[in-house]
Each structure stands twice: as C-alpha cells, then as structure tokens.
Amino acid sequence: MIYREYGKTGKKISLLGFGGMRFKNVDDHDECVRLMIAAAKGGINYFDTAPGYFETRSETVYGKAFAEMRKQGLPYFCATKTFESTEAGIRTEIEGQLKRLNIDSIDFYHIWCITTLNQWENRKKDGIINTFKKLKEEKLIKHICISSHLIKNEIKELLMDDIIEGVLFGYSAYNFNTRQEAFDAIKEKKLGAVVMNPLGGGVIPRHPDLFKFICRPGENTAAAALRILWDHPEITNTLVGFDTIEHLNDSLEAMKEYKPRTLKELEETKSKAGASFEGICTGCAYCDKCPQGIPVPYYMDTYNQKLLNKDSQDPIGDRLKWHWNIERSGAAKCTECGLCEKACTQHIDIIKRLKEIAE
C-alpha cells in the first residue's frame, strides 16, 4: 500500500480508501465488519462514511468495525460528514455520530455536499465555520474538511478559507478536463485531496472500449481507472465503495501491481480522452424524490447509454426494456417541479433529459 501526506496535517493515509455507501447488505453487520477488517489488513487506513448512507446504518457498521480494529491493533482514520449548518444542528448530529462510530473524536469531519456557491455562503452565514472551529478546539474533531459536488472549477472557491484542511470531490477518467484550477488551489494551499467516484459510479468498467485510452497493455479498465488517478501527485486518496470481498481484492491487487506514470506520460494519456465526459450520471440517486413517482435515477442511468453508446441504434430503448423494464412514457409524467434538479449534485439538466427520453 502507498501512503501519502494528507495536506499539512501530518497524517499519512492510504492512497486507496474505503467508502461506506455501497455495502451489499448493510444490516448484516458481521459480513460488513469482515469486509472492513480485510481492507484494514490489506493496508487501507482511511474509512469514509456519512450519516445519510443507509440512514446512519453505515456509521453503525463503522463503529463495530473500528472497535474490532482497535482490538486487533489495526490503524484507521475515520472520515464522516454533516449537512447541518447551525451550531445546534451540528452538535446534535455529531453527538449521535460519535456514539454510532464508537469513537471519541472524528479524524476528518466534512462540511458536506456543497452544490452551489450560494449554498456555501448561506451555510457560512449560519456560522458553520465558527462551529467547526469550536469542535476542533474541544477535540471532538481533528481536521476540518469540505465535501463538494460543484462542477468544473467552482470548487476552487471553497478552498480559499485557511481553516479548510482537506477536500473531497468527484474526479475520474471521464471528467479529466474539469478540475485543473481545483488541483492548483490544492497545491497552493497544501490541502489533502480525496476523490470519490473514481470508477464513475461503475460507468468506466462497464465500458472498457470507450475508456481503453487509459489502459496499458494487458490492464483491465477498473484497475486502470484507479491507477491513473494514483498518478496524480495532488490526490491523497481515492475512495472506492466496496460491496464484496472480490471487489476489495481486485483493488488491492491493482495497488500491488501499480507502476506509476511520469507526469509527462499522465498528460499524454489524459490528452487522448478527447471530448469531456462531463454530464454522465454517476448514480448517487439523490434525485430519487419525484412527487409523481418517476424513477428518475433509472432514467438518468438510461440516458447515460445515449452518451456512452453512440453506435447503438436505440441505446435508451434497449436499456429501458432489457435492464430496467420500464416504459419511455413514464418519463412524460414530469411536471417540471424541479425537485430532482435541486437535489442533483452534478447539475444535470434532468427535466430536459426526461423530455427527450419520453419523446
């Protein structure tokens, strides 16, 4: 396992991290704990979760796994998040989190899910920065971090406050062209940088032909997608949401056989990407709140097929029929209320896509 400095914190964390939102059966605590212990024994020491993952059940699993890690002498760092903004809300939340996680202090605590710059300004007006400072002074948290789904380079604006020690954001082989200013700010501020969705929510390994430009001879697409991110010196950790021991072992093997590119080789590989893949839905399902009952995540996954399978005669129809077993007409129920677009962390034009699918 490779370990990198997390910004200026003095902490060395594993380049491969464990994300807590993909457990196959989160209610089977023994199975989930075994998976996390296997990860720790494989050298992973960075474990990320959130109160919204499986309605806090992910944090509960983490708490049991951390207790077992302490018993076995396995090192770990805990990262979690809060969507609360006010001091009262944050304190109520963190009290529950510390109990669920079975720890006295959270190593990396994230201001969670910034989707617009206006939202960031409003949360600062609520006093979130001062509250996080107090939590750190009280040793309830060790490091102040931020998690964002802002598109393109807007994320840079979040990193200018000197109190921020690290950032979590989405980055992968299909959005190479969207983060350069963020990386510049990370280097300038000497921040820790953790990336989520390194496999594009599964999109990349499912389309090996489209992403073959990242592969070296004999390399499978999933391993290549991780390794090309590891080639970025600015990236401290790549989070993978493991659901089975097989997937964990595949990623550990990718690390074992990893041979870094030079910066020149990295830029040459990235230049082969051609057009940006910005706009592909990564399947977070935050949009799944339609008052008309439209299964929006299924339709957005279906629209991905149009973007990714340009040679197919009817990629949308095939996906709807053979994968999801739903009709095009269901998308026509949209009343354009906009709830899904407000929830979308990638700022996808969902209403427009639903109309196109229905037509």
Protein backbone atom coordinates (compact mmCIF):
# COMPACT_ATOMS: atom_id res chain seq x y z
CA MET A 1 0.00 0.00 0.00
CA ILE A 2 1.16 3.51 -0.79
CA TYR A 3 0.63 6.23 1.83
CA ARG A 4 0.60 9.98 1.21
CA GLU A 5 0.63 13.02 3.46
CA TYR A 6 -2.84 14.46 3.97
CA GLY A 7 -2.05 18.11 3.35
CA LYS A 8 -0.37 19.79 6.31
CA THR A 9 -1.99 17.56 8.95
CA GLY A 10 1.00 15.26 9.43
CA LYS A 11 -1.28 12.26 8.84
CA LYS A 12 -0.26 9.63 6.30
CA ILE A 13 -3.26 7.95 4.72
CA SER A 14 -3.57 5.10 2.27
CA LEU A 15 -3.87 6.02 -1.39
CA LEU A 16 -6.80 3.59 -1.60
CA GLY A 17 -9.73 4.36 0.70
CA PHE A 18 -12.89 2.57 1.84
CA GLY A 19 -16.23 4.27 1.10
CA GLY A 20 -19.25 3.28 3.18
CA MET A 21 -22.23 3.72 0.87
CA ARG A 22 -22.09 0.51 -1.21
CA PHE A 23 -22.42 -2.34 1.30
CA LYS A 24 -24.23 -5.27 -0.29
CA ASN A 25 -26.24 -5.89 2.88
CA VAL A 26 -25.66 -3.17 5.46
CA ASP A 27 -27.83 -4.98 8.01
CA ASP A 28 -25.50 -7.98 8.05
CA HIS A 29 -23.07 -6.34 10.45
CA ASP A 30 -20.78 -9.34 10.73
CA GLU A 31 -20.29 -9.51 6.96
CA CYS A 32 -19.70 -5.77 6.66
CA VAL A 33 -17.22 -5.75 9.54
CA ARG A 34 -15.32 -8.67 7.99
CA LEU A 35 -15.05 -6.67 4.76
CA MET A 36 -13.69 -3.63 6.60
CA ILE A 37 -11.23 -5.72 8.59
CA ALA A 38 -9.98 -7.31 5.36
CA ALA A 39 -9.47 -3.81 3.95
CA ALA A 40 -7.52 -2.73 7.04
CA LYS A 41 -5.36 -5.84 6.86
CA GLY A 42 -4.74 -5.01 3.20
CA GLY A 43 -3.26 -1.66 4.25
CA ILE A 44 -6.28 0.65 3.90
CA ASN A 45 -6.42 3.08 6.83
CA TYR A 46 -8.87 5.72 5.54
CA PHE A 47 -12.54 4.89 6.07
CA ASP A 48 -15.17 7.38 4.87
CA THR A 49 -18.88 7.35 5.63
CA ALA A 50 -21.77 9.78 6.24
CA PRO A 51 -24.99 9.96 8.28
CA GLY A 52 -27.01 9.78 5.06
CA TYR A 53 -25.55 6.43 3.97
CA PHE A 54 -28.21 3.79 4.65
CA GLU A 55 -29.90 6.20 7.08
CA THR A 56 -26.98 6.21 9.58
CA ARG A 57 -26.60 2.40 9.44
CA SER A 58 -23.27 2.74 7.64
CA GLU A 59 -21.90 4.69 10.60
CA THR A 60 -23.17 1.98 12.95
CA VAL A 61 -21.30 -0.67 10.97
CA TYR A 62 -18.19 1.50 11.03
CA GLY A 63 -18.41 1.78 14.81
CA LYS A 64 -18.39 -2.00 15.18
CA ALA A 65 -15.53 -2.35 12.70
CA PHE A 66 -13.46 0.33 14.47
CA ALA A 67 -13.90 -1.50 17.78
CA GLU A 68 -12.61 -4.69 16.15
CA MET A 69 -9.70 -2.81 14.55
CA ARG A 70 -8.66 -1.47 17.94
CA LYS A 71 -8.85 -4.97 19.35
CA GLN A 72 -6.60 -6.29 16.57
CA GLY A 73 -4.23 -3.33 16.63
CA LEU A 74 -5.14 -2.20 13.11
CA PRO A 75 -4.66 1.54 12.41
CA TYR A 76 -7.51 3.59 10.95
CA PHE A 77 -8.69 7.12 10.31
CA CYS A 78 -12.40 7.95 10.37
CA ALA A 79 -13.94 10.45 7.95
CA THR A 80 -17.58 11.43 8.07
CA LYS A 81 -19.74 14.45 7.29
CA THR A 82 -22.59 16.72 8.31
CA PHE A 83 -25.17 18.51 6.18
CA GLU A 84 -26.22 20.63 9.16
CA SER A 85 -25.25 24.32 9.23
CA THR A 86 -26.25 25.74 12.60
CA GLU A 87 -24.33 25.05 15.78
CA ALA A 88 -27.33 23.40 17.42
CA GLY A 89 -27.92 21.15 14.44
CA ILE A 90 -24.27 20.17 14.08
CA ARG A 91 -23.84 19.45 17.78
CA THR A 92 -26.93 17.24 17.83
CA GLU A 93 -25.69 15.37 14.78
CA ILE A 94 -22.11 14.85 15.93
CA GLU A 95 -23.27 13.58 19.31
CA GLY A 96 -25.13 10.77 17.54
CA GLN A 97 -22.25 10.15 15.15
CA LEU A 98 -19.65 9.72 17.89
CA LYS A 99 -21.90 7.15 19.59
CA ARG A 100 -22.58 5.24 16.36
CA LEU A 101 -18.93 5.34 15.31
CA ASN A 102 -17.82 4.27 18.80
CA ILE A 103 -15.04 6.88 18.91
CA ASP A 104 -14.22 9.99 20.96
CA SER A 105 -13.10 12.17 18.07
CA ILE A 106 -13.59 12.22 14.27
CA ASP A 107 -10.34 12.47 12.34
CA PHE A 108 -11.65 14.17 9.20
CA TYR A 109 -15.01 15.93 9.58
CA HIS A 110 -16.54 17.29 6.38
CA ILE A 111 -18.87 20.17 5.67
CA TRP A 112 -21.00 18.01 3.41
CA CYS A 113 -22.35 18.29 -0.11
CA ILE A 114 -21.82 21.86 -1.26
CA THR A 115 -23.67 22.04 -4.57
CA THR A 116 -23.77 25.80 -5.24
CA LEU A 117 -21.65 28.78 -4.19
CA ASN A 118 -24.78 30.49 -2.85
CA GLN A 119 -25.40 27.49 -0.62
CA TRP A 120 -21.85 27.77 0.67
CA GLU A 121 -22.34 31.44 1.51
CA ASN A 122 -25.60 30.68 3.32
CA ARG A 123 -24.02 27.93 5.39
CA LYS A 124 -21.21 30.26 6.38
CA LYS A 125 -23.83 32.83 7.44
CA ASP A 126 -25.32 30.12 9.67
CA GLY A 127 -21.99 30.03 11.49
CA ILE A 128 -20.69 26.69 10.24
CA ILE A 129 -17.04 27.81 10.19
CA ASN A 130 -17.07 29.01 13.79
CA THR A 131 -18.87 25.85 14.90
CA PHE A 132 -16.25 23.63 13.26
CA LYS A 133 -13.51 25.67 14.94
CA LYS A 134 -15.16 25.07 18.32
CA LEU A 135 -15.49 21.35 17.64
CA LYS A 136 -11.78 21.19 16.85
CA GLU A 137 -10.85 23.17 19.97
CA GLU A 138 -12.98 20.76 22.02
CA LYS A 139 -11.18 17.82 20.34
CA LEU A 140 -14.43 16.38 19.02
CA ILE A 141 -12.89 16.58 15.54
CA LYS A 142 -9.26 16.67 14.48
CA HIS A 143 -9.35 18.17 10.98
CA ILE A 144 -11.82 20.45 9.16
CA CYS A 145 -12.64 19.32 5.64
CA ILE A 146 -15.18 20.05 2.94
CA SER A 147 -17.07 17.82 0.52
CA SER A 148 -18.38 19.26 -2.72
CA HIS A 149 -20.16 18.31 -5.92
CA LEU A 150 -19.59 21.67 -7.57
CA ILE A 151 -18.97 21.35 -11.29
CA LYS A 152 -15.98 22.48 -13.29
CA ASN A 153 -13.62 24.72 -11.31
CA GLU A 154 -16.08 26.38 -8.93
CA ILE A 155 -14.74 24.10 -6.21
CA LYS A 156 -11.68 26.33 -6.02
CA GLU A 157 -13.80 28.99 -4.29
CA LEU A 158 -14.38 26.67 -1.33
CA LEU A 159 -10.69 26.17 -0.67
CA MET A 160 -9.61 29.75 -0.10
CA ASP A 161 -10.52 29.81 3.61
CA ASP A 162 -7.39 28.93 5.59
CA ILE A 163 -9.40 26.84 8.04
CA ILE A 164 -10.05 24.15 5.39
CA GLU A 165 -7.50 21.32 5.66
CA GLY A 166 -8.79 18.94 3.01
CA VAL A 167 -11.38 18.44 0.30
CA LEU A 168 -13.47 15.55 -1.05
CA PHE A 169 -14.76 15.77 -4.63
CA GLY A 170 -15.62 13.70 -7.67
CA TYR A 171 -12.92 13.01 -10.24
CA SER A 172 -12.33 10.22 -12.73
CA ALA A 173 -11.29 9.37 -16.27
CA TYR A 174 -14.42 10.94 -17.74
CA ASN A 175 -14.00 14.40 -16.23
CA PHE A 176 -10.26 14.98 -16.59
CA ASN A 177 -10.88 18.44 -18.00
CA THR A 178 -12.88 19.86 -15.10
CA ARG A 179 -10.58 20.11 -12.09
CA GLN A 180 -7.31 21.81 -13.01
CA GLU A 181 -8.00 25.01 -11.06
CA ALA A 182 -9.06 22.92 -8.07
CA PHE A 183 -5.79 20.99 -8.24
CA ASP A 184 -3.88 24.28 -8.49
CA ALA A 185 -5.60 25.50 -5.31
CA ILE A 186 -4.92 22.19 -3.55
CA LYS A 187 -1.21 22.54 -4.31
CA GLU A 188 -1.14 26.22 -3.35
CA LYS A 189 -2.90 25.63 -0.03
CA LYS A 190 -1.20 22.25 0.61
CA LEU A 191 -4.52 20.53 1.21
CA GLY A 192 -5.43 16.90 1.49
CA ALA A 193 -7.40 15.77 -1.57
CA VAL A 194 -9.69 12.74 -1.56
CA VAL A 195 -11.61 11.82 -4.70
CA MET A 196 -14.92 9.95 -4.84
CA ASN A 197 -16.43 8.07 -7.78
CA PRO A 198 -13.02 7.10 -9.21
CA LEU A 199 -14.79 4.46 -11.31
CA GLY A 200 -17.52 6.87 -12.35
CA GLY A 201 -20.17 5.04 -10.33
CA GLY A 202 -19.35 1.88 -12.31
CA VAL A 203 -19.67 3.58 -15.70
CA ILE A 204 -15.98 3.21 -16.56
CA PRO A 205 -15.51 -0.55 -16.02
CA ARG A 206 -18.80 -1.25 -17.80
CA HIS A 207 -17.48 0.47 -20.95
CA PRO A 208 -13.95 -0.83 -21.46
CA ASP A 209 -13.87 0.02 -25.17
CA LEU A 210 -14.72 3.67 -24.53
CA PHE A 211 -12.09 4.00 -21.82
CA LYS A 212 -9.36 1.86 -23.34
CA PHE A 213 -7.24 5.01 -23.75
CA ILE A 214 -6.38 4.82 -20.02
CA CYS A 215 -5.27 1.18 -20.17
CA ARG A 216 -1.76 -0.09 -20.57
CA PRO A 217 -1.26 -3.41 -22.39
CA GLY A 218 -2.97 -6.22 -20.51
CA GLU A 219 -4.54 -3.88 -17.95
CA ASN A 220 -8.24 -4.13 -17.11
CA THR A 221 -10.29 -0.93 -17.15
CA ALA A 222 -11.19 -0.83 -13.45
CA ALA A 223 -7.56 -1.15 -12.38
CA ALA A 224 -6.50 1.43 -14.98
CA ALA A 225 -9.16 3.90 -13.76
CA LEU A 226 -7.72 3.76 -10.25
CA ARG A 227 -4.09 3.79 -11.27
CA ILE A 228 -4.37 6.83 -13.50
CA LEU A 229 -5.75 8.76 -10.52
CA TRP A 230 -2.93 7.48 -8.34
CA ASP A 231 -0.60 9.01 -10.94
CA HIS A 232 -1.84 12.46 -9.83
CA PRO A 233 0.53 13.65 -7.07
CA GLU A 234 -2.15 16.09 -5.80
CA ILE A 235 -4.52 13.22 -4.92
CA THR A 236 -4.11 11.86 -1.41
CA ASN A 237 -6.74 9.13 -1.51
CA THR A 238 -9.22 7.50 -3.90
CA LEU A 239 -12.44 6.28 -2.29
CA VAL A 240 -13.98 3.05 -3.55
CA GLY A 241 -17.38 1.88 -2.28
CA PHE A 242 -16.65 -1.82 -1.81
CA ASP A 243 -19.59 -4.21 -1.66
CA THR A 244 -17.86 -7.62 -1.81
CA ILE A 245 -14.53 -9.12 -0.83
CA GLU A 246 -13.89 -9.82 -4.52
CA HIS A 247 -14.10 -6.13 -5.40
CA LEU A 248 -11.85 -5.26 -2.48
CA ASN A 249 -9.26 -7.82 -3.53
CA ASP A 250 -9.33 -6.54 -7.12
CA SER A 251 -8.47 -3.03 -5.94
CA LEU A 252 -5.78 -4.24 -3.55
CA GLU A 253 -4.27 -6.23 -6.42
CA ALA A 254 -4.37 -3.11 -8.62
CA MET A 255 -2.36 -1.33 -5.95
CA LYS A 256 0.09 -4.21 -5.59
CA GLU A 257 0.87 -4.20 -9.32
CA TYR A 258 0.84 -0.40 -9.67
CA LYS A 259 3.66 1.15 -11.71
CA PRO A 260 3.38 4.98 -11.74
CA ARG A 261 3.46 7.04 -14.92
CA THR A 262 5.64 10.09 -15.19
CA LEU A 263 3.80 13.42 -15.26
CA LYS A 264 4.53 13.63 -18.99
CA GLU A 265 3.02 10.17 -19.56
CA LEU A 266 0.00 11.14 -17.48
CA GLU A 267 -0.68 14.27 -19.53
CA GLU A 268 -0.26 12.30 -22.76
CA THR A 269 -2.82 9.74 -21.58
CA LYS A 270 -5.29 12.42 -20.47
CA SER A 271 -4.94 14.18 -23.84
CA LYS A 272 -6.35 11.07 -25.52
CA ALA A 273 -9.65 11.49 -23.75
CA GLY A 274 -10.89 13.88 -26.41
CA ALA A 275 -14.22 15.40 -25.51
CA SER A 276 -15.01 15.67 -21.81
CA PHE A 277 -17.40 13.12 -20.30
CA GLU A 278 -18.89 15.76 -18.02
CA GLY A 279 -22.61 15.18 -17.60
CA ILE A 280 -22.68 11.43 -17.15
CA CYS A 281 -24.88 10.44 -14.21
CA THR A 282 -22.88 8.54 -11.57
CA GLY A 283 -25.93 7.01 -9.88
CA CYS A 284 -25.91 8.67 -6.45
CA ALA A 285 -29.77 8.60 -6.53
CA TYR A 286 -30.15 11.91 -4.65
CA CYS A 287 -32.73 12.78 -7.33
CA ASP A 288 -34.99 9.91 -6.27
CA LYS A 289 -37.66 12.10 -4.70
CA CYS A 290 -40.13 12.69 -7.54
CA PRO A 291 -43.66 13.52 -6.30
CA GLN A 292 -45.00 11.89 -9.48
CA GLY A 293 -43.24 8.65 -8.65
CA ILE A 294 -40.90 8.81 -11.65
CA PRO A 295 -37.84 6.58 -11.02
CA VAL A 296 -35.51 9.40 -12.03
CA PRO A 297 -32.23 7.55 -11.27
CA TYR A 298 -33.25 4.75 -13.67
CA TYR A 299 -34.00 7.21 -16.44
CA MET A 300 -30.73 9.09 -15.88
CA ASP A 301 -28.82 5.82 -15.98
CA THR A 302 -30.64 5.10 -19.22
CA TYR A 303 -29.63 8.46 -20.69
CA ASN A 304 -26.02 7.55 -19.94
CA GLN A 305 -26.36 4.85 -22.56
CA LYS A 306 -27.05 7.50 -25.20
CA LEU A 307 -23.90 9.35 -24.15
CA LEU A 308 -21.76 6.25 -23.89
CA ASN A 309 -23.11 4.02 -26.66
CA LYS A 310 -23.25 6.35 -29.63
CA ASP A 311 -23.05 3.50 -32.14
CA SER A 312 -26.13 1.73 -30.80
CA GLN A 313 -29.34 2.13 -32.79
CA ASP A 314 -31.56 2.62 -29.74
CA PRO A 315 -29.46 2.69 -26.55
CA ILE A 316 -32.23 4.31 -24.49
CA GLY A 317 -34.93 1.88 -25.59
CA ASP A 318 -32.69 -1.14 -25.10
CA ARG A 319 -31.72 -0.07 -21.59
CA LEU A 320 -35.31 0.66 -20.56
CA LYS A 321 -36.60 -2.63 -21.91
CA TRP A 322 -33.88 -5.09 -21.02
CA HIS A 323 -32.30 -3.57 -17.90
CA TRP A 324 -34.95 -1.60 -16.03
CA ASN A 325 -38.16 -3.00 -17.55
CA ILE A 326 -39.86 0.40 -17.61
CA GLU A 327 -41.53 2.39 -20.38
CA ARG A 328 -40.44 5.59 -22.07
CA SER A 329 -43.86 7.04 -21.32
CA GLY A 330 -43.13 7.11 -17.60
CA ALA A 331 -40.73 9.99 -18.17
CA ALA A 332 -43.61 12.03 -19.59
CA LYS A 333 -45.20 12.30 -16.13
CA CYS A 334 -42.70 15.04 -15.28
CA THR A 335 -44.40 18.26 -14.17
CA GLU A 336 -41.12 20.21 -14.18
CA CYS A 337 -41.32 20.92 -10.44
CA GLY A 338 -37.52 20.90 -10.33
CA LEU A 339 -37.04 18.92 -7.11
CA CYS A 340 -34.79 16.41 -8.83
CA GLU A 341 -32.57 19.10 -10.35
CA LYS A 342 -32.21 20.85 -7.00
CA ALA A 343 -31.05 17.55 -5.48
CA CYS A 344 -28.69 16.66 -8.32
CA THR A 345 -25.10 17.04 -7.19
CA GLN A 346 -23.85 17.05 -10.78
CA HIS A 347 -26.18 19.80 -12.01
CA ILE A 348 -27.59 17.60 -14.77
CA ASP A 349 -30.45 19.01 -16.85
CA ILE A 350 -32.79 16.22 -15.72
CA ILE A 351 -36.04 17.76 -16.98
CA LYS A 352 -34.66 18.14 -20.49
CA ARG A 353 -33.40 14.57 -20.49
CA LEU A 354 -36.73 13.21 -19.27
CA LYS A 355 -38.49 15.01 -22.13
CA GLU A 356 -36.02 13.58 -24.63
CA ILE A 357 -36.49 10.06 -23.27
CA ALA A 358 -40.28 10.38 -23.39
CA GLU A 359 -40.18 11.61 -26.99
